[in-house]
Amino acid sequence: MAYILKNKEGAIIAASPDTQVSADWVQVENSDADYLNFLDEELKKHHTFRESDIQLARVLEDLIGILIERSLISYTDFPSAAQKRLNERQTLRHKNNLHTLLGDDDVAPL
């Protein structure tokens, strides 16, 4: 069961998959058409923002690679958690051949 909050016009303005946030939240079935439509619309609204975040992350990865290649920063300057994430991302990109799709040939590996 999910919970929804409606405005005065009866339109859903918020939803929770499992928590009744306050007394004015109404319980609905997970298969409720209005609930599913609301979730779909919310995902569509945020899709562009997520895509932008993904693209920005890629730019930052490339920038870090360039800075390391030019000896402006050192890989070991990053905390171990950041090093781990950078390694994981680079491994994923190479395993999925993403490095050739986006022109990584000019950037040295970390």
PDB file of N, CA and C in Angstrom:
ATOM      1  N   MET A   1       0.831  -1.187   0.000  1.00  0.00           N
ATOM      2  CA  MET A   1       0.000   0.000   0.000  1.00  0.00           C
ATOM      3  C   MET A   1       0.879   1.255   0.000  1.00  0.00           C
ATOM      4  N   ALA A   2       0.410   2.260  -0.707  1.00  0.00           N
ATOM      5  CA  ALA A   2       1.106   3.533  -0.801  1.00  0.00           C
ATOM      6  C   ALA A   2       0.249   4.612  -0.145  1.00  0.00           C
ATOM      7  N   TYR A   3       0.844   5.770   0.055  1.00  0.00           N
ATOM      8  CA  TYR A   3       0.125   6.902   0.639  1.00  0.00           C
ATOM      9  C   TYR A   3       0.282   8.102  -0.274  1.00  0.00           C
ATOM     10  N   ILE A   4      -0.803   8.855  -0.402  1.00  0.00           N
ATOM     11  CA  ILE A   4      -0.783  10.049  -1.253  1.00  0.00           C
ATOM     12  C   ILE A   4      -1.349  11.241  -0.498  1.00  0.00           C
ATOM     13  N   LEU A   5      -0.947  12.414  -0.942  1.00  0.00           N
ATOM     14  CA  LEU A   5      -1.482  13.660  -0.414  1.00  0.00           C
ATOM     15  C   LEU A   5      -2.087  14.416  -1.585  1.00  0.00           C
ATOM     16  N   LYS A   6      -3.318  14.848  -1.425  1.00  0.00           N
ATOM     17  CA  LYS A   6      -4.004  15.584  -2.486  1.00  0.00           C
ATOM     18  C   LYS A   6      -4.203  17.033  -2.087  1.00  0.00           C
ATOM     19  N   ASN A   7      -4.260  17.915  -3.098  1.00  0.00           N
ATOM     20  CA  ASN A   7      -4.570  19.318  -2.838  1.00  0.00           C
ATOM     21  C   ASN A   7      -6.089  19.505  -2.793  1.00  0.00           C
ATOM     22  N   LYS A   8      -6.536  20.743  -2.646  1.00  0.00           N
ATOM     23  CA  LYS A   8      -7.977  21.023  -2.527  1.00  0.00           C
ATOM     24  C   LYS A   8      -8.743  20.649  -3.787  1.00  0.00           C
ATOM     25  N   GLU A   9      -8.048  20.647  -4.926  1.00  0.00           N
ATOM     26  CA  GLU A   9      -8.696  20.292  -6.189  1.00  0.00           C
ATOM     27  C   GLU A   9      -8.748  18.779  -6.401  1.00  0.00           C
ATOM     28  N   GLY A  10      -8.118  18.021  -5.516  1.00  0.00           N
ATOM     29  CA  GLY A  10      -8.127  16.563  -5.619  1.00  0.00           C
ATOM     30  C   GLY A  10      -6.967  15.978  -6.398  1.00  0.00           C
ATOM     31  N   ALA A  11      -6.030  16.814  -6.796  1.00  0.00           N
ATOM     32  CA  ALA A  11      -4.858  16.326  -7.518  1.00  0.00           C
ATOM     33  C   ALA A  11      -3.787  15.871  -6.530  1.00  0.00           C
ATOM     34  N   ILE A  12      -3.112  14.785  -6.863  1.00  0.00           N
ATOM     35  CA  ILE A  12      -2.038  14.287  -6.001  1.00  0.00           C
ATOM     36  C   ILE A  12      -0.853  15.248  -6.094  1.00  0.00           C
ATOM     37  N   ILE A  13      -0.360  15.648  -4.926  1.00  0.00           N
ATOM     38  CA  ILE A  13       0.789  16.566  -4.886  1.00  0.00           C
ATOM     39  C   ILE A  13       2.013  15.931  -4.228  1.00  0.00           C
ATOM     40  N   ALA A  14       1.834  14.765  -3.601  1.00  0.00           N
ATOM     41  CA  ALA A  14       2.944  14.062  -2.972  1.00  0.00           C
ATOM     42  C   ALA A  14       2.557  12.594  -2.794  1.00  0.00           C
ATOM     43  N   ALA A  15       3.570  11.754  -2.724  1.00  0.00           N
ATOM     44  CA  ALA A  15       3.317  10.323  -2.554  1.00  0.00           C
ATOM     45  C   ALA A  15       4.442   9.687  -1.763  1.00  0.00           C
ATOM     46  N   SER A  16       4.100   8.614  -1.073  1.00  0.00           N
ATOM     47  CA  SER A  16       5.084   7.829  -0.335  1.00  0.00           C
ATOM     48  C   SER A  16       4.772   6.352  -0.582  1.00  0.00           C
ATOM     49  N   PRO A  17       5.784   5.551  -0.864  1.00  0.00           N
ATOM     50  CA  PRO A  17       5.517   4.142  -1.147  1.00  0.00           C
ATOM     51  C   PRO A  17       5.066   3.332   0.065  1.00  0.00           C
ATOM     52  N   ASP A  18       5.375   3.825   1.286  1.00  0.00           N
ATOM     53  CA  ASP A  18       5.052   3.010   2.451  1.00  0.00           C
ATOM     54  C   ASP A  18       4.834   3.759   3.764  1.00  0.00           C
ATOM     55  N   THR A  19       4.875   5.090   3.724  1.00  0.00           N
ATOM     56  CA  THR A  19       4.784   5.850   4.969  1.00  0.00           C
ATOM     57  C   THR A  19       3.658   6.870   4.914  1.00  0.00           C
ATOM     58  N   GLN A  20       2.822   6.839   5.934  1.00  0.00           N
ATOM     59  CA  GLN A  20       1.797   7.871   6.061  1.00  0.00           C
ATOM     60  C   GLN A  20       2.441   9.029   6.820  1.00  0.00           C
ATOM     61  N   VAL A  21       2.805  10.049   6.097  1.00  0.00           N
ATOM     62  CA  VAL A  21       3.579  11.151   6.643  1.00  0.00           C
ATOM     63  C   VAL A  21       2.798  11.914   7.704  1.00  0.00           C
ATOM     64  N   SER A  22       1.525  12.134   7.442  1.00  0.00           N
ATOM     65  CA  SER A  22       0.655  12.788   8.427  1.00  0.00           C
ATOM     66  C   SER A  22      -0.770  12.275   8.216  1.00  0.00           C
ATOM     67  N   ALA A  23      -1.674  12.703   9.069  1.00  0.00           N
ATOM     68  CA  ALA A  23      -3.043  12.191   9.050  1.00  0.00           C
ATOM     69  C   ALA A  23      -3.788  12.495   7.756  1.00  0.00           C
ATOM     70  N   ASP A  24      -3.400  13.550   7.041  1.00  0.00           N
ATOM     71  CA  ASP A  24      -4.120  13.893   5.811  1.00  0.00           C
ATOM     72  C   ASP A  24      -3.632  13.121   4.583  1.00  0.00           C
ATOM     73  N   TRP A  25      -2.687  12.227   4.762  1.00  0.00           N
ATOM     74  CA  TRP A  25      -2.240  11.361   3.680  1.00  0.00           C
ATOM     75  C   TRP A  25      -3.187  10.162   3.605  1.00  0.00           C
ATOM     76  N   VAL A  26      -3.578   9.798   2.400  1.00  0.00           N
ATOM     77  CA  VAL A  26      -4.564   8.749   2.183  1.00  0.00           C
ATOM     78  C   VAL A  26      -3.881   7.497   1.647  1.00  0.00           C
ATOM     79  N   GLN A  27      -4.303   6.348   2.159  1.00  0.00           N
ATOM     80  CA  GLN A  27      -3.743   5.093   1.696  1.00  0.00           C
ATOM     81  C   GLN A  27      -4.414   4.661   0.391  1.00  0.00           C
ATOM     82  N   VAL A  28      -3.603   4.212  -0.571  1.00  0.00           N
ATOM     83  CA  VAL A  28      -4.113   3.710  -1.854  1.00  0.00           C
ATOM     84  C   VAL A  28      -3.378   2.428  -2.216  1.00  0.00           C
ATOM     85  N   GLU A  29      -3.968   1.672  -3.120  1.00  0.00           N
ATOM     86  CA  GLU A  29      -3.308   0.473  -3.642  1.00  0.00           C
ATOM     87  C   GLU A  29      -2.117   0.890  -4.502  1.00  0.00           C
ATOM     88  N   ASN A  30      -1.104   0.061  -4.532  1.00  0.00           N
ATOM     89  CA  ASN A  30       0.056   0.343  -5.384  1.00  0.00           C
ATOM     90  C   ASN A  30      -0.320   0.385  -6.860  1.00  0.00           C
ATOM     91  N   SER A  31      -1.425  -0.222  -7.202  1.00  0.00           N
ATOM     92  CA  SER A  31      -1.867  -0.266  -8.596  1.00  0.00           C
ATOM     93  C   SER A  31      -2.862   0.845  -8.938  1.00  0.00           C
ATOM     94  N   ASP A  32      -3.142   1.748  -7.991  1.00  0.00           N
ATOM     95  CA  ASP A  32      -4.087   2.849  -8.220  1.00  0.00           C
ATOM     96  C   ASP A  32      -3.626   3.683  -9.417  1.00  0.00           C
ATOM     97  N   ALA A  33      -4.519   3.886 -10.384  1.00  0.00           N
ATOM     98  CA  ALA A  33      -4.174   4.578 -11.631  1.00  0.00           C
ATOM     99  C   ALA A  33      -3.677   6.002 -11.381  1.00  0.00           C
ATOM    100  N   ASP A  34      -4.346   6.748 -10.507  1.00  0.00           N
ATOM    101  CA  ASP A  34      -3.915   8.124 -10.231  1.00  0.00           C
ATOM    102  C   ASP A  34      -2.525   8.156  -9.596  1.00  0.00           C
ATOM    103  N   TYR A  35      -2.287   7.227  -8.695  1.00  0.00           N
ATOM    104  CA  TYR A  35      -0.980   7.125  -8.035  1.00  0.00           C
ATOM    105  C   TYR A  35       0.103   6.817  -9.071  1.00  0.00           C
ATOM    106  N   LEU A  36      -0.146   5.841  -9.927  1.00  0.00           N
ATOM    107  CA  LEU A  36       0.832   5.471 -10.951  1.00  0.00           C
ATOM    108  C   LEU A  36       1.061   6.602 -11.943  1.00  0.00           C
ATOM    109  N   ASN A  37       0.013   7.316 -12.317  1.00  0.00           N
ATOM    110  CA  ASN A  37       0.163   8.468 -13.214  1.00  0.00           C
ATOM    111  C   ASN A  37       0.994   9.566 -12.564  1.00  0.00           C
ATOM    112  N   PHE A  38       0.763   9.812 -11.279  1.00  0.00           N
ATOM    113  CA  PHE A  38       1.545  10.812 -10.547  1.00  0.00           C
ATOM    114  C   PHE A  38       3.027  10.430 -10.546  1.00  0.00           C
ATOM    115  N   LEU A  39       3.327   9.160 -10.244  1.00  0.00           N
ATOM    116  CA  LEU A  39       4.723   8.711 -10.230  1.00  0.00           C
ATOM    117  C   LEU A  39       5.359   8.856 -11.603  1.00  0.00           C
ATOM    118  N   ASP A  40       4.623   8.505 -12.635  1.00  0.00           N
ATOM    119  CA  ASP A  40       5.128   8.621 -13.999  1.00  0.00           C
ATOM    120  C   ASP A  40       5.445  10.074 -14.345  1.00  0.00           C
ATOM    121  N   GLU A  41       4.553  10.975 -14.001  1.00  0.00           N
ATOM    122  CA  GLU A  41       4.768  12.402 -14.293  1.00  0.00           C
ATOM    123  C   GLU A  41       5.957  12.955 -13.511  1.00  0.00           C
ATOM    124  N   GLU A  42       6.100  12.531 -12.264  1.00  0.00           N
ATOM    125  CA  GLU A  42       7.237  12.994 -11.458  1.00  0.00           C
ATOM    126  C   GLU A  42       8.558  12.507 -12.040  1.00  0.00           C
ATOM    127  N   LEU A  43       8.583  11.269 -12.492  1.00  0.00           N
ATOM    128  CA  LEU A  43       9.799  10.737 -13.111  1.00  0.00           C
ATOM    129  C   LEU A  43      10.140  11.502 -14.379  1.00  0.00           C
ATOM    130  N   LYS A  44       9.131  11.840 -15.172  1.00  0.00           N
ATOM    131  CA  LYS A  44       9.365  12.600 -16.396  1.00  0.00           C
ATOM    132  C   LYS A  44       9.928  13.982 -16.083  1.00  0.00           C
ATOM    133  N   LYS A  45       9.407  14.619 -15.036  1.00  0.00           N
ATOM    134  CA  LYS A  45       9.882  15.957 -14.650  1.00  0.00           C
ATOM    135  C   LYS A  45      11.360  15.942 -14.278  1.00  0.00           C
ATOM    136  N   HIS A  46      11.766  14.899 -13.586  1.00  0.00           N
ATOM    137  CA  HIS A  46      13.119  14.844 -13.051  1.00  0.00           C
ATOM    138  C   HIS A  46      14.107  14.167 -13.991  1.00  0.00           C
ATOM    139  N   HIS A  47      13.630  13.609 -15.095  1.00  0.00           N
ATOM    140  CA  HIS A  47      14.499  12.914 -16.034  1.00  0.00           C
ATOM    141  C   HIS A  47      15.584  13.843 -16.593  1.00  0.00           C
ATOM    142  N   THR A  48      15.205  15.028 -17.012  1.00  0.00           N
ATOM    143  CA  THR A  48      16.170  15.972 -17.587  1.00  0.00           C
ATOM    144  C   THR A  48      17.236  16.344 -16.566  1.00  0.00           C
ATOM    145  N   PHE A  49      16.820  16.552 -15.319  1.00  0.00           N
ATOM    146  CA  PHE A  49      17.766  16.898 -14.268  1.00  0.00           C
ATOM    147  C   PHE A  49      18.741  15.745 -14.018  1.00  0.00           C
ATOM    148  N   ARG A  50      18.232  14.506 -13.998  1.00  0.00           N
ATOM    149  CA  ARG A  50      19.104  13.348 -13.807  1.00  0.00           C
ATOM    150  C   ARG A  50      20.088  13.226 -14.962  1.00  0.00           C
ATOM    151  N   GLU A  51      19.615  13.435 -16.172  1.00  0.00           N
ATOM    152  CA  GLU A  51      20.494  13.370 -17.329  1.00  0.00           C
ATOM    153  C   GLU A  51      21.597  14.420 -17.225  1.00  0.00           C
ATOM    154  N   SER A  52      21.243  15.603 -16.775  1.00  0.00           N
ATOM    155  CA  SER A  52      22.223  16.664 -16.598  1.00  0.00           C
ATOM    156  C   SER A  52      23.258  16.264 -15.545  1.00  0.00           C
ATOM    157  N   ASP A  53      22.812  15.659 -14.449  1.00  0.00           N
ATOM    158  CA  ASP A  53      23.731  15.190 -13.407  1.00  0.00           C
ATOM    159  C   ASP A  53      24.700  14.147 -13.952  1.00  0.00           C
ATOM    160  N   ILE A  54      24.181  13.228 -14.761  1.00  0.00           N
ATOM    161  CA  ILE A  54      25.012  12.184 -15.341  1.00  0.00           C
ATOM    162  C   ILE A  54      26.069  12.805 -16.248  1.00  0.00           C
ATOM    163  N   GLN A  55      25.657  13.747 -17.066  1.00  0.00           N
ATOM    164  CA  GLN A  55      26.595  14.400 -17.975  1.00  0.00           C
ATOM    165  C   GLN A  55      27.640  15.206 -17.208  1.00  0.00           C
ATOM    166  N   LEU A  56      27.224  15.877 -16.138  1.00  0.00           N
ATOM    167  CA  LEU A  56      28.171  16.640 -15.336  1.00  0.00           C
ATOM    168  C   LEU A  56      29.171  15.712 -14.648  1.00  0.00           C
ATOM    169  N   ALA A  57      28.699  14.576 -14.173  1.00  0.00           N
ATOM    170  CA  ALA A  57      29.612  13.611 -13.554  1.00  0.00           C
ATOM    171  C   ALA A  57      30.667  13.164 -14.552  1.00  0.00           C
ATOM    172  N   ARG A  58      30.243  12.960 -15.770  1.00  0.00           N
ATOM    173  CA  ARG A  58      31.184  12.553 -16.821  1.00  0.00           C
ATOM    174  C   ARG A  58      32.225  13.650 -17.069  1.00  0.00           C
ATOM    175  N   VAL A  59      31.777  14.895 -17.114  1.00  0.00           N
ATOM    176  CA  VAL A  59      32.696  16.018 -17.307  1.00  0.00           C
ATOM    177  C   VAL A  59      33.716  16.061 -16.168  1.00  0.00           C
ATOM    178  N   LEU A  60      33.246  15.871 -14.940  1.00  0.00           N
ATOM    179  CA  LEU A  60      34.158  15.904 -13.795  1.00  0.00           C
ATOM    180  C   LEU A  60      35.153  14.754 -13.838  1.00  0.00           C
ATOM    181  N   GLU A  61      34.704  13.572 -14.239  1.00  0.00           N
ATOM    182  CA  GLU A  61      35.625  12.444 -14.385  1.00  0.00           C
ATOM    183  C   GLU A  61      36.716  12.778 -15.393  1.00  0.00           C
ATOM    184  N   ASP A  62      36.313  13.326 -16.529  1.00  0.00           N
ATOM    185  CA  ASP A  62      37.279  13.693 -17.562  1.00  0.00           C
ATOM    186  C   ASP A  62      38.230  14.789 -17.079  1.00  0.00           C
ATOM    187  N   LEU A  63      37.695  15.766 -16.370  1.00  0.00           N
ATOM    188  CA  LEU A  63      38.525  16.845 -15.839  1.00  0.00           C
ATOM    189  C   LEU A  63      39.559  16.305 -14.863  1.00  0.00           C
ATOM    190  N   ILE A  64      39.145  15.412 -13.990  1.00  0.00           N
ATOM    191  CA  ILE A  64      40.080  14.812 -13.035  1.00  0.00           C
ATOM    192  C   ILE A  64      41.191  14.072 -13.792  1.00  0.00           C
ATOM    193  N   GLY A  65      40.803  13.327 -14.824  1.00  0.00           N
ATOM    194  CA  GLY A  65      41.788  12.613 -15.628  1.00  0.00           C
ATOM    195  C   GLY A  65      42.798  13.554 -16.267  1.00  0.00           C
ATOM    196  N   ILE A  66      42.322  14.664 -16.804  1.00  0.00           N
ATOM    197  CA  ILE A  66      43.202  15.643 -17.441  1.00  0.00           C
ATOM    198  C   ILE A  66      44.136  16.280 -16.411  1.00  0.00           C
ATOM    199  N   LEU A  67      43.597  16.635 -15.254  1.00  0.00           N
ATOM    200  CA  LEU A  67      44.433  17.251 -14.213  1.00  0.00           C
ATOM    201  C   LEU A  67      45.517  16.296 -13.718  1.00  0.00           C
ATOM    202  N   ILE A  68      45.174  15.023 -13.606  1.00  0.00           N
ATOM    203  CA  ILE A  68      46.169  14.028 -13.199  1.00  0.00           C
ATOM    204  C   ILE A  68      47.211  13.850 -14.294  1.00  0.00           C
ATOM    205  N   GLU A  69      46.754  13.749 -15.540  1.00  0.00           N
ATOM    206  CA  GLU A  69      47.665  13.572 -16.682  1.00  0.00           C
ATOM    207  C   GLU A  69      48.671  14.722 -16.771  1.00  0.00           C
ATOM    208  N   ARG A  70      48.229  15.928 -16.461  1.00  0.00           N
ATOM    209  CA  ARG A  70      49.095  17.108 -16.547  1.00  0.00           C
ATOM    210  C   ARG A  70      49.861  17.370 -15.242  1.00  0.00           C
ATOM    211  N   SER A  71      49.743  16.437 -14.307  1.00  0.00           N
ATOM    212  CA  SER A  71      50.439  16.508 -13.008  1.00  0.00           C
ATOM    213  C   SER A  71      50.058  17.739 -12.196  1.00  0.00           C
ATOM    214  N   LEU A  72      48.833  18.210 -12.380  1.00  0.00           N
ATOM    215  CA  LEU A  72      48.355  19.334 -11.578  1.00  0.00           C
ATOM    216  C   LEU A  72      47.779  18.856 -10.256  1.00  0.00           C
ATOM    217  N   ILE A  73      47.325  17.622 -10.250  1.00  0.00           N
ATOM    218  CA  ILE A  73      46.920  16.954  -9.017  1.00  0.00           C
ATOM    219  C   ILE A  73      47.405  15.519  -9.114  1.00  0.00           C
ATOM    220  N   SER A  74      47.449  14.871  -7.990  1.00  0.00           N
ATOM    221  CA  SER A  74      47.865  13.479  -7.956  1.00  0.00           C
ATOM    222  C   SER A  74      46.673  12.612  -7.568  1.00  0.00           C
ATOM    223  N   TYR A  75      46.630  11.424  -8.139  1.00  0.00           N
ATOM    224  CA  TYR A  75      45.561  10.479  -7.812  1.00  0.00           C
ATOM    225  C   TYR A  75      45.496  10.254  -6.308  1.00  0.00           C
ATOM    226  N   THR A  76      46.646  10.228  -5.657  1.00  0.00           N
ATOM    227  CA  THR A  76      46.695   9.980  -4.213  1.00  0.00           C
ATOM    228  C   THR A  76      46.252  11.188  -3.385  1.00  0.00           C
ATOM    229  N   ASP A  77      46.021  12.324  -4.036  1.00  0.00           N
ATOM    230  CA  ASP A  77      45.480  13.487  -3.332  1.00  0.00           C
ATOM    231  C   ASP A  77      44.025  13.248  -2.903  1.00  0.00           C
ATOM    232  N   PHE A  78      43.363  12.335  -3.602  1.00  0.00           N
ATOM    233  CA  PHE A  78      41.957  12.056  -3.300  1.00  0.00           C
ATOM    234  C   PHE A  78      41.844  11.089  -2.140  1.00  0.00           C
ATOM    235  N   PRO A  79      40.819  11.239  -1.325  1.00  0.00           N
ATOM    236  CA  PRO A  79      40.575  10.259  -0.251  1.00  0.00           C
ATOM    237  C   PRO A  79      40.385   8.863  -0.854  1.00  0.00           C
ATOM    238  N   SER A  80      40.634   7.846  -0.070  1.00  0.00           N
ATOM    239  CA  SER A  80      40.554   6.473  -0.584  1.00  0.00           C
ATOM    240  C   SER A  80      39.163   6.147  -1.136  1.00  0.00           C
ATOM    241  N   ALA A  81      38.109   6.673  -0.527  1.00  0.00           N
ATOM    242  CA  ALA A  81      36.754   6.416  -1.034  1.00  0.00           C
ATOM    243  C   ALA A  81      36.570   7.008  -2.428  1.00  0.00           C
ATOM    244  N   ALA A  82      37.129   8.192  -2.650  1.00  0.00           N
ATOM    245  CA  ALA A  82      37.046   8.826  -3.973  1.00  0.00           C
ATOM    246  C   ALA A  82      37.888   8.052  -4.983  1.00  0.00           C
ATOM    247  N   GLN A  83      39.065   7.591  -4.575  1.00  0.00           N
ATOM    248  CA  GLN A  83      39.898   6.782  -5.465  1.00  0.00           C
ATOM    249  C   GLN A  83      39.155   5.524  -5.894  1.00  0.00           C
ATOM    250  N   LYS A  84      38.497   4.899  -4.938  1.00  0.00           N
ATOM    251  CA  LYS A  84      37.738   3.674  -5.231  1.00  0.00           C
ATOM    252  C   LYS A  84      36.637   3.958  -6.251  1.00  0.00           C
ATOM    253  N   ARG A  85      35.903   5.046  -6.051  1.00  0.00           N
ATOM    254  CA  ARG A  85      34.821   5.388  -6.984  1.00  0.00           C
ATOM    255  C   ARG A  85      35.355   5.721  -8.372  1.00  0.00           C
ATOM    256  N   LEU A  86      36.443   6.457  -8.425  1.00  0.00           N
ATOM    257  CA  LEU A  86      37.050   6.776  -9.717  1.00  0.00           C
ATOM    258  C   LEU A  86      37.487   5.507 -10.442  1.00  0.00           C
ATOM    259  N   ASN A  87      38.085   4.580  -9.712  1.00  0.00           N
ATOM    260  CA  ASN A  87      38.502   3.310 -10.317  1.00  0.00           C
ATOM    261  C   ASN A  87      37.302   2.515 -10.812  1.00  0.00           C
ATOM    262  N   GLU A  88      36.254   2.468 -10.002  1.00  0.00           N
ATOM    263  CA  GLU A  88      35.050   1.732 -10.392  1.00  0.00           C
ATOM    264  C   GLU A  88      34.435   2.315 -11.662  1.00  0.00           C
ATOM    265  N   ARG A  89      34.344   3.634 -11.716  1.00  0.00           N
ATOM    266  CA  ARG A  89      33.760   4.289 -12.896  1.00  0.00           C
ATOM    267  C   ARG A  89      34.608   4.035 -14.133  1.00  0.00           C
ATOM    268  N   GLN A  90      35.918   4.157 -13.989  1.00  0.00           N
ATOM    269  CA  GLN A  90      36.793   3.940 -15.134  1.00  0.00           C
ATOM    270  C   GLN A  90      36.695   2.491 -15.608  1.00  0.00           C
ATOM    271  N   THR A  91      36.659   1.543 -14.683  1.00  0.00           N
ATOM    272  CA  THR A  91      36.521   0.136 -15.045  1.00  0.00           C
ATOM    273  C   THR A  91      35.209  -0.107 -15.783  1.00  0.00           C
ATOM    274  N   LEU A  92      34.122   0.460 -15.270  1.00  0.00           N
ATOM    275  CA  LEU A  92      32.825   0.302 -15.936  1.00  0.00           C
ATOM    276  C   LEU A  92      32.838   0.900 -17.338  1.00  0.00           C
ATOM    277  N   ARG A  93      33.424   2.067 -17.467  1.00  0.00           N
ATOM    278  CA  ARG A  93      33.480   2.718 -18.776  1.00  0.00           C
ATOM    279  C   ARG A  93      34.266   1.878 -19.768  1.00  0.00           C
ATOM    280  N   HIS A  94      35.374   1.309 -19.331  1.00  0.00           N
ATOM    281  CA  HIS A  94      36.190   0.503 -20.241  1.00  0.00           C
ATOM    282  C   HIS A  94      35.527  -0.837 -20.552  1.00  0.00           C
ATOM    283  N   LYS A  95      34.899  -1.450 -19.575  1.00  0.00           N
ATOM    284  CA  LYS A  95      34.204  -2.716 -19.816  1.00  0.00           C
ATOM    285  C   LYS A  95      33.060  -2.545 -20.804  1.00  0.00           C
ATOM    286  N   ASN A  96      32.415  -1.414 -20.765  1.00  0.00           N
ATOM    287  CA  ASN A  96      31.272  -1.166 -21.635  1.00  0.00           C
ATOM    288  C   ASN A  96      31.648  -0.375 -22.886  1.00  0.00           C
ATOM    289  N   ASN A  97      32.943  -0.231 -23.121  1.00  0.00           N
ATOM    290  CA  ASN A  97      33.447   0.492 -24.293  1.00  0.00           C
ATOM    291  C   ASN A  97      32.944   1.924 -24.377  1.00  0.00           C
ATOM    292  N   LEU A  98      32.618   2.526 -23.267  1.00  0.00           N
ATOM    293  CA  LEU A  98      32.157   3.910 -23.268  1.00  0.00           C
ATOM    294  C   LEU A  98      33.304   4.876 -23.537  1.00  0.00           C
ATOM    295  N   HIS A  99      34.515   4.440 -23.261  1.00  0.00           N
ATOM    296  CA  HIS A  99      35.655   5.329 -23.493  1.00  0.00           C
ATOM    297  C   HIS A  99      35.834   5.637 -24.973  1.00  0.00           C
ATOM    298  N   THR A 100      35.474   4.713 -25.853  1.00  0.00           N
ATOM    299  CA  THR A 100      35.621   4.976 -27.273  1.00  0.00           C
ATOM    300  C   THR A 100      34.449   5.775 -27.829  1.00  0.00           C
ATOM    301  N   LEU A 101      33.296   5.662 -27.197  1.00  0.00           N
ATOM    302  CA  LEU A 101      32.128   6.378 -27.675  1.00  0.00           C
ATOM    303  C   LEU A 101      32.219   7.871 -27.431  1.00  0.00           C
ATOM    304  N   LEU A 102      32.896   8.239 -26.355  1.00  0.00           N
ATOM    305  CA  LEU A 102      32.896   9.638 -25.961  1.00  0.00           C
ATOM    306  C   LEU A 102      34.266  10.286 -26.073  1.00  0.00           C
ATOM    307  N   GLY A 103      35.178   9.663 -26.774  1.00  0.00           N
ATOM    308  CA  GLY A 103      36.459  10.307 -27.047  1.00  0.00           C
ATOM    309  C   GLY A 103      37.435  10.298 -25.905  1.00  0.00           C
ATOM    310  N   ASP A 104      37.530   9.216 -25.160  1.00  0.00           N
ATOM    311  CA  ASP A 104      38.468   9.148 -24.044  1.00  0.00           C
ATOM    312  C   ASP A 104      39.886   8.814 -24.484  1.00  0.00           C
ATOM    313  N   ASP A 105      40.105   8.655 -25.753  1.00  0.00           N
ATOM    314  CA  ASP A 105      41.416   8.262 -26.231  1.00  0.00           C
ATOM    315  C   ASP A 105      42.494   9.265 -25.848  1.00  0.00           C
ATOM    316  N   ASP A 106      42.115  10.516 -25.626  1.00  0.00           N
ATOM    317  CA  ASP A 106      43.076  11.562 -25.287  1.00  0.00           C
ATOM    318  C   ASP A 106      43.375  11.635 -23.800  1.00  0.00           C
ATOM    319  N   VAL A 107      42.588  10.930 -22.975  1.00  0.00           N
ATOM    320  CA  VAL A 107      42.737  11.016 -21.522  1.00  0.00           C
ATOM    321  C   VAL A 107      43.399   9.757 -21.016  1.00  0.00           C
ATOM    322  N   ALA A 108      44.497   9.922 -20.283  1.00  0.00           N
ATOM    323  CA  ALA A 108      45.216   8.773 -19.725  1.00  0.00           C
ATOM    324  C   ALA A 108      44.411   8.150 -18.604  1.00  0.00           C
ATOM    325  N   PRO A 109      44.531   6.826 -18.411  1.00  0.00           N
ATOM    326  CA  PRO A 109      43.847   6.171 -17.299  1.00  0.00           C
ATOM    327  C   PRO A 109      44.351   6.686 -15.968  1.00  0.00           C
ATOM    328  N   LEU A 110      43.523   6.592 -14.961  1.00  0.00           N
ATOM    329  CA  LEU A 110      43.918   7.046 -13.629  1.00  0.00           C
ATOM    330  C   LEU A 110      44.899   6.101 -13.001  1.00  0.00           C
TER     331      LEU A 110
END
